[in-house]
Structure formats: C-alpha cells, structure tokens
C-alpha cells in the first residue's frame, strides 16, 4: 500500500471512531483533524496510517506517543 492507500483506508475507518476523536481532538470534522493533531510528533503520515489501520485510533495515539 502506498501513502494514498493508507489515507483512503484511514478515511473509511474514521467514522467508526468519531467519539474518541472528539475526546482527543475536540473536533470530528474529518480524520485529517487527527493527522494535524498528531503532526507535532513529526511521524510520516504513512506510518501514522499503518498504526491506525492496525490498532484503531486509540492505539494509534498510544503508538504515536511511544514513537
């Protein structure tokens, strides 16, 4: 999968996690809100999307904090 594939998959999965995104980010506008919130970690978006797909949004946030 390339970065676009990960972003598309992440966008499809995003709707399942609206409540947690709202809790973590204060905004459920779209999954890019979460990406912007995670940008401070300076992790390539492809890696963020891999973690998102593998672990869900809660796991992705935990993964980002540990990496």
PDB file of N, CA and C in Angstrom:
ATOM      1  N   UNK A   1       0.843  -1.189   0.000  1.00  0.00           N
ATOM      2  CA  UNK A   1       0.000   0.000   0.000  1.00  0.00           C
ATOM      3  C   UNK A   1       0.884   1.248   0.000  1.00  0.00           C
ATOM      4  N   UNK A   2       0.478   2.223  -0.769  1.00  0.00           N
ATOM      5  CA  UNK A   2       1.216   3.483  -0.749  1.00  0.00           C
ATOM      6  C   UNK A   2       0.519   4.462   0.207  1.00  0.00           C
ATOM      7  N   UNK A   3       1.068   5.656   0.322  1.00  0.00           N
ATOM      8  CA  UNK A   3       0.536   6.613   1.298  1.00  0.00           C
ATOM      9  C   UNK A   3      -0.919   6.966   1.013  1.00  0.00           C
ATOM     10  N   UNK A   4      -1.271   7.105  -0.266  1.00  0.00           N
ATOM     11  CA  UNK A   4      -2.660   7.416  -0.614  1.00  0.00           C
ATOM     12  C   UNK A   4      -3.593   6.295  -0.185  1.00  0.00           C
ATOM     13  N   UNK A   5      -3.169   5.051  -0.376  1.00  0.00           N
ATOM     14  CA  UNK A   5      -3.984   3.915   0.057  1.00  0.00           C
ATOM     15  C   UNK A   5      -4.228   3.967   1.560  1.00  0.00           C
ATOM     16  N   UNK A   6      -3.185   4.272   2.318  1.00  0.00           N
ATOM     17  CA  UNK A   6      -3.339   4.356   3.767  1.00  0.00           C
ATOM     18  C   UNK A   6      -4.288   5.484   4.140  1.00  0.00           C
ATOM     19  N   UNK A   7      -4.158   6.617   3.467  1.00  0.00           N
ATOM     20  CA  UNK A   7      -5.042   7.740   3.774  1.00  0.00           C
ATOM     21  C   UNK A   7      -6.484   7.401   3.437  1.00  0.00           C
ATOM     22  N   UNK A   8      -6.716   6.731   2.313  1.00  0.00           N
ATOM     23  CA  UNK A   8      -8.079   6.343   1.945  1.00  0.00           C
ATOM     24  C   UNK A   8      -8.657   5.354   2.942  1.00  0.00           C
ATOM     25  N   UNK A   9      -7.858   4.373   3.347  1.00  0.00           N
ATOM     26  CA  UNK A   9      -8.322   3.394   4.331  1.00  0.00           C
ATOM     27  C   UNK A   9      -8.595   4.080   5.666  1.00  0.00           C
ATOM     28  N   UNK A  10      -7.730   4.989   6.038  1.00  0.00           N
ATOM     29  CA  UNK A  10      -7.938   5.725   7.285  1.00  0.00           C
ATOM     30  C   UNK A  10      -9.208   6.545   7.244  1.00  0.00           C
ATOM     31  N   UNK A  11      -9.466   7.186   6.113  1.00  0.00           N
ATOM     32  CA  UNK A  11     -10.679   7.985   5.978  1.00  0.00           C
ATOM     33  C   UNK A  11     -11.925   7.106   6.085  1.00  0.00           C
ATOM     34  N   UNK A  12     -11.876   5.894   5.520  1.00  0.00           N
ATOM     35  CA  UNK A  12     -13.021   4.979   5.613  1.00  0.00           C
ATOM     36  C   UNK A  12     -13.254   4.528   7.047  1.00  0.00           C
ATOM     37  N   UNK A  13     -12.161   4.273   7.769  1.00  0.00           N
ATOM     38  CA  UNK A  13     -12.276   3.801   9.147  1.00  0.00           C
ATOM     39  C   UNK A  13     -12.666   4.907  10.117  1.00  0.00           C
ATOM     40  N   UNK A  14     -12.409   6.135   9.744  1.00  0.00           N
ATOM     41  CA  UNK A  14     -12.543   7.254  10.674  1.00  0.00           C
ATOM     42  C   UNK A  14     -13.920   7.335  11.311  1.00  0.00           C
ATOM     43  N   UNK A  15     -14.964   7.119  10.529  1.00  0.00           N
ATOM     44  CA  UNK A  15     -16.322   7.267  11.040  1.00  0.00           C
ATOM     45  C   UNK A  15     -16.616   6.401  12.252  1.00  0.00           C
ATOM     46  N   UNK A  16     -15.926   5.284  12.378  1.00  0.00           N
ATOM     47  CA  UNK A  16     -16.156   4.378  13.497  1.00  0.00           C
ATOM     48  C   UNK A  16     -15.627   4.943  14.811  1.00  0.00           C
ATOM     49  N   UNK A  17     -14.800   5.965  14.747  1.00  0.00           N
ATOM     50  CA  UNK A  17     -14.102   6.437  15.940  1.00  0.00           C
ATOM     51  C   UNK A  17     -14.397   7.902  16.264  1.00  0.00           C
ATOM     52  N   UNK A  18     -15.522   8.424  15.754  1.00  0.00           N
ATOM     53  CA  UNK A  18     -15.838   9.840  15.949  1.00  0.00           C
ATOM     54  C   UNK A  18     -15.767  10.274  17.410  1.00  0.00           C
ATOM     55  N   UNK A  19     -16.347   9.468  18.299  1.00  0.00           N
ATOM     56  CA  UNK A  19     -16.393   9.852  19.709  1.00  0.00           C
ATOM     57  C   UNK A  19     -15.015  10.015  20.309  1.00  0.00           C
ATOM     58  N   UNK A  20     -14.117   9.084  20.002  1.00  0.00           N
ATOM     59  CA  UNK A  20     -12.769   9.160  20.558  1.00  0.00           C
ATOM     60  C   UNK A  20     -11.992  10.316  19.944  1.00  0.00           C
ATOM     61  N   UNK A  21     -12.198  10.565  18.655  1.00  0.00           N
ATOM     62  CA  UNK A  21     -11.533  11.704  18.027  1.00  0.00           C
ATOM     63  C   UNK A  21     -12.001  12.995  18.685  1.00  0.00           C
ATOM     64  N   UNK A  22     -13.311  13.090  18.929  1.00  0.00           N
ATOM     65  CA  UNK A  22     -13.832  14.289  19.588  1.00  0.00           C
ATOM     66  C   UNK A  22     -13.189  14.445  20.965  1.00  0.00           C
ATOM     67  N   UNK A  23     -13.085  13.335  21.693  1.00  0.00           N
ATOM     68  CA  UNK A  23     -12.489  13.355  23.033  1.00  0.00           C
ATOM     69  C   UNK A  23     -11.023  13.793  22.973  1.00  0.00           C
ATOM     70  N   UNK A  24     -10.272  13.278  21.992  1.00  0.00           N
ATOM     71  CA  UNK A  24      -8.836  13.561  21.914  1.00  0.00           C
ATOM     72  C   UNK A  24      -8.532  14.897  21.238  1.00  0.00           C
ATOM     73  N   UNK A  25      -9.342  15.268  20.241  1.00  0.00           N
ATOM     74  CA  UNK A  25      -9.005  16.418  19.399  1.00  0.00           C
ATOM     75  C   UNK A  25     -10.003  17.565  19.518  1.00  0.00           C
ATOM     76  N   UNK A  26     -11.182  17.302  20.065  1.00  0.00           N
ATOM     77  CA  UNK A  26     -12.195  18.336  20.182  1.00  0.00           C
ATOM     78  C   UNK A  26     -12.863  18.684  18.869  1.00  0.00           C
ATOM     79  N   UNK A  27     -12.691  17.842  17.847  1.00  0.00           N
ATOM     80  CA  UNK A  27     -13.252  18.155  16.533  1.00  0.00           C
ATOM     81  C   UNK A  27     -13.414  16.864  15.753  1.00  0.00           C
ATOM     82  N   UNK A  28     -14.595  16.638  15.201  1.00  0.00           N
ATOM     83  CA  UNK A  28     -14.805  15.440  14.394  1.00  0.00           C
ATOM     84  C   UNK A  28     -14.982  15.795  12.922  1.00  0.00           C
ATOM     85  N   UNK A  29     -14.502  16.966  12.526  1.00  0.00           N
ATOM     86  CA  UNK A  29     -14.669  17.448  11.153  1.00  0.00           C
ATOM     87  C   UNK A  29     -14.294  16.371  10.133  1.00  0.00           C
ATOM     88  N   UNK A  30     -13.123  15.791  10.256  1.00  0.00           N
ATOM     89  CA  UNK A  30     -12.686  14.698   9.392  1.00  0.00           C
ATOM     90  C   UNK A  30     -11.423  14.098   9.991  1.00  0.00           C
ATOM     91  N   UNK A  31     -10.970  13.005   9.443  1.00  0.00           N
ATOM     92  CA  UNK A  31      -9.824  12.344  10.060  1.00  0.00           C
ATOM     93  C   UNK A  31      -8.550  13.165   9.922  1.00  0.00           C
ATOM     94  N   UNK A  32      -8.525  14.114   8.981  1.00  0.00           N
ATOM     95  CA  UNK A  32      -7.343  14.964   8.838  1.00  0.00           C
ATOM     96  C   UNK A  32      -7.132  15.833  10.077  1.00  0.00           C
ATOM     97  N   UNK A  33      -8.214  16.093  10.823  1.00  0.00           N
ATOM     98  CA  UNK A  33      -8.074  16.806  12.092  1.00  0.00           C
ATOM     99  C   UNK A  33      -7.132  16.043  13.008  1.00  0.00           C
ATOM    100  N   UNK A  34      -7.307  14.732  13.050  1.00  0.00           N
ATOM    101  CA  UNK A  34      -6.437  13.909  13.889  1.00  0.00           C
ATOM    102  C   UNK A  34      -5.002  13.949  13.377  1.00  0.00           C
ATOM    103  N   UNK A  35      -4.838  13.874  12.062  1.00  0.00           N
ATOM    104  CA  UNK A  35      -3.493  13.932  11.490  1.00  0.00           C
ATOM    105  C   UNK A  35      -2.818  15.241  11.888  1.00  0.00           C
ATOM    106  N   UNK A  36      -3.563  16.348  11.804  1.00  0.00           N
ATOM    107  CA  UNK A  36      -2.973  17.635  12.204  1.00  0.00           C
ATOM    108  C   UNK A  36      -2.599  17.614  13.684  1.00  0.00           C
ATOM    109  N   UNK A  37      -3.442  16.986  14.510  1.00  0.00           N
ATOM    110  CA  UNK A  37      -3.149  16.909  15.941  1.00  0.00           C
ATOM    111  C   UNK A  37      -1.891  16.087  16.195  1.00  0.00           C
ATOM    112  N   UNK A  38      -1.665  15.073  15.359  1.00  0.00           N
ATOM    113  CA  UNK A  38      -0.501  14.205  15.545  1.00  0.00           C
ATOM    114  C   UNK A  38       0.759  14.746  14.881  1.00  0.00           C
ATOM    115  N   UNK A  39       0.624  15.769  14.042  1.00  0.00           N
ATOM    116  CA  UNK A  39       1.790  16.285  13.318  1.00  0.00           C
ATOM    117  C   UNK A  39       2.907  16.729  14.255  1.00  0.00           C
ATOM    118  N   UNK A  40       2.557  17.123  15.466  1.00  0.00           N
ATOM    119  CA  UNK A  40       3.600  17.563  16.401  1.00  0.00           C
ATOM    120  C   UNK A  40       4.603  16.450  16.695  1.00  0.00           C
ATOM    121  N   UNK A  41       4.197  15.185  16.443  1.00  0.00           N
ATOM    122  CA  UNK A  41       5.117  14.073  16.657  1.00  0.00           C
ATOM    123  C   UNK A  41       6.095  13.897  15.498  1.00  0.00           C
ATOM    124  N   UNK A  42       5.836  14.599  14.381  1.00  0.00           N
ATOM    125  CA  UNK A  42       6.690  14.549  13.193  1.00  0.00           C
ATOM    126  C   UNK A  42       6.886  13.119  12.697  1.00  0.00           C
ATOM    127  N   UNK A  43       5.802  12.358  12.695  1.00  0.00           N
ATOM    128  CA  UNK A  43       5.816  10.988  12.186  1.00  0.00           C
ATOM    129  C   UNK A  43       5.267  11.020  10.765  1.00  0.00           C
ATOM    130  N   UNK A  44       5.923  10.342   9.811  1.00  0.00           N
ATOM    131  CA  UNK A  44       5.381  10.304   8.449  1.00  0.00           C
ATOM    132  C   UNK A  44       3.939   9.792   8.451  1.00  0.00           C
ATOM    133  N   UNK A  45       3.096  10.417   7.657  1.00  0.00           N
ATOM    134  CA  UNK A  45       1.680  10.055   7.644  1.00  0.00           C
ATOM    135  C   UNK A  45       1.460   8.588   7.307  1.00  0.00           C
ATOM    136  N   UNK A  46       2.301   8.021   6.453  1.00  0.00           N
ATOM    137  CA  UNK A  46       2.135   6.600   6.124  1.00  0.00           C
ATOM    138  C   UNK A  46       2.267   5.755   7.386  1.00  0.00           C
ATOM    139  N   UNK A  47       3.231   6.068   8.248  1.00  0.00           N
ATOM    140  CA  UNK A  47       3.406   5.320   9.492  1.00  0.00           C
ATOM    141  C   UNK A  47       2.217   5.516  10.417  1.00  0.00           C
ATOM    142  N   UNK A  48       1.689   6.734  10.460  1.00  0.00           N
ATOM    143  CA  UNK A  48       0.506   7.003  11.273  1.00  0.00           C
ATOM    144  C   UNK A  48      -0.666   6.175  10.769  1.00  0.00           C
ATOM    145  N   UNK A  49      -0.839   6.126   9.445  1.00  0.00           N
ATOM    146  CA  UNK A  49      -1.959   5.369   8.885  1.00  0.00           C
ATOM    147  C   UNK A  49      -1.783   3.872   9.109  1.00  0.00           C
ATOM    148  N   UNK A  50      -0.554   3.370   9.023  1.00  0.00           N
ATOM    149  CA  UNK A  50      -0.321   1.949   9.305  1.00  0.00           C
ATOM    150  C   UNK A  50      -0.758   1.626  10.728  1.00  0.00           C
ATOM    151  N   UNK A  51      -0.376   2.471  11.669  1.00  0.00           N
ATOM    152  CA  UNK A  51      -0.744   2.242  13.066  1.00  0.00           C
ATOM    153  C   UNK A  51      -2.257   2.350  13.241  1.00  0.00           C
ATOM    154  N   UNK A  52      -2.873   3.300  12.550  1.00  0.00           N
ATOM    155  CA  UNK A  52      -4.325   3.493  12.620  1.00  0.00           C
ATOM    156  C   UNK A  52      -5.048   2.242  12.153  1.00  0.00           C
ATOM    157  N   UNK A  53      -4.627   1.725  11.015  1.00  0.00           N
ATOM    158  CA  UNK A  53      -5.283   0.548  10.441  1.00  0.00           C
ATOM    159  C   UNK A  53      -5.064  -0.667  11.339  1.00  0.00           C
ATOM    160  N   UNK A  54      -3.886  -0.790  11.907  1.00  0.00           N
ATOM    161  CA  UNK A  54      -3.567  -1.958  12.727  1.00  0.00           C
ATOM    162  C   UNK A  54      -4.193  -1.895  14.111  1.00  0.00           C
ATOM    163  N   UNK A  55      -4.286  -0.711  14.693  1.00  0.00           N
ATOM    164  CA  UNK A  55      -4.629  -0.611  16.109  1.00  0.00           C
ATOM    165  C   UNK A  55      -5.856   0.243  16.404  1.00  0.00           C
ATOM    166  N   UNK A  56      -6.470   0.836  15.385  1.00  0.00           N
ATOM    167  CA  UNK A  56      -7.565   1.758  15.664  1.00  0.00           C
ATOM    168  C   UNK A  56      -7.014   3.086  16.168  1.00  0.00           C
ATOM    169  N   UNK A  57      -7.894   4.028  16.346  1.00  0.00           N
ATOM    170  CA  UNK A  57      -7.435   5.383  16.647  1.00  0.00           C
ATOM    171  C   UNK A  57      -6.811   5.479  18.036  1.00  0.00           C
ATOM    172  N   UNK A  58      -7.375   4.787  19.021  1.00  0.00           N
ATOM    173  CA  UNK A  58      -6.794   4.840  20.369  1.00  0.00           C
ATOM    174  C   UNK A  58      -5.388   4.255  20.348  1.00  0.00           C
ATOM    175  N   UNK A  59      -5.236   3.126  19.685  1.00  0.00           N
ATOM    176  CA  UNK A  59      -3.922   2.514  19.573  1.00  0.00           C
ATOM    177  C   UNK A  59      -2.955   3.382  18.801  1.00  0.00           C
ATOM    178  N   UNK A  60      -3.455   4.085  17.794  1.00  0.00           N
ATOM    179  CA  UNK A  60      -2.583   4.953  17.010  1.00  0.00           C
ATOM    180  C   UNK A  60      -2.052   6.092  17.862  1.00  0.00           C
ATOM    181  N   UNK A  61      -2.903   6.669  18.683  1.00  0.00           N
ATOM    182  CA  UNK A  61      -2.457   7.760  19.549  1.00  0.00           C
ATOM    183  C   UNK A  61      -1.411   7.245  20.529  1.00  0.00           C
ATOM    184  N   UNK A  62      -1.671   6.079  21.118  1.00  0.00           N
ATOM    185  CA  UNK A  62      -0.697   5.490  22.042  1.00  0.00           C
ATOM    186  C   UNK A  62       0.612   5.185  21.316  1.00  0.00           C
ATOM    187  N   UNK A  63       0.505   4.640  20.101  1.00  0.00           N
ATOM    188  CA  UNK A  63       1.692   4.321  19.308  1.00  0.00           C
ATOM    189  C   UNK A  63       2.493   5.581  19.016  1.00  0.00           C
ATOM    190  N   UNK A  64       1.791   6.643  18.617  1.00  0.00           N
ATOM    191  CA  UNK A  64       2.471   7.895  18.284  1.00  0.00           C
ATOM    192  C   UNK A  64       3.183   8.465  19.506  1.00  0.00           C
ATOM    193  N   UNK A  65       2.542   8.363  20.661  1.00  0.00           N
ATOM    194  CA  UNK A  65       3.154   8.890  21.875  1.00  0.00           C
ATOM    195  C   UNK A  65       4.411   8.108  22.251  1.00  0.00           C
ATOM    196  N   UNK A  66       4.455   6.821  21.921  1.00  0.00           N
ATOM    197  CA  UNK A  66       5.605   5.989  22.259  1.00  0.00           C
ATOM    198  C   UNK A  66       6.718   6.083  21.222  1.00  0.00           C
ATOM    199  N   UNK A  67       6.405   6.576  20.033  1.00  0.00           N
ATOM    200  CA  UNK A  67       7.399   6.652  18.970  1.00  0.00           C
ATOM    201  C   UNK A  67       7.745   8.097  18.697  1.00  0.00           C
TER     202      UNK A  67
END
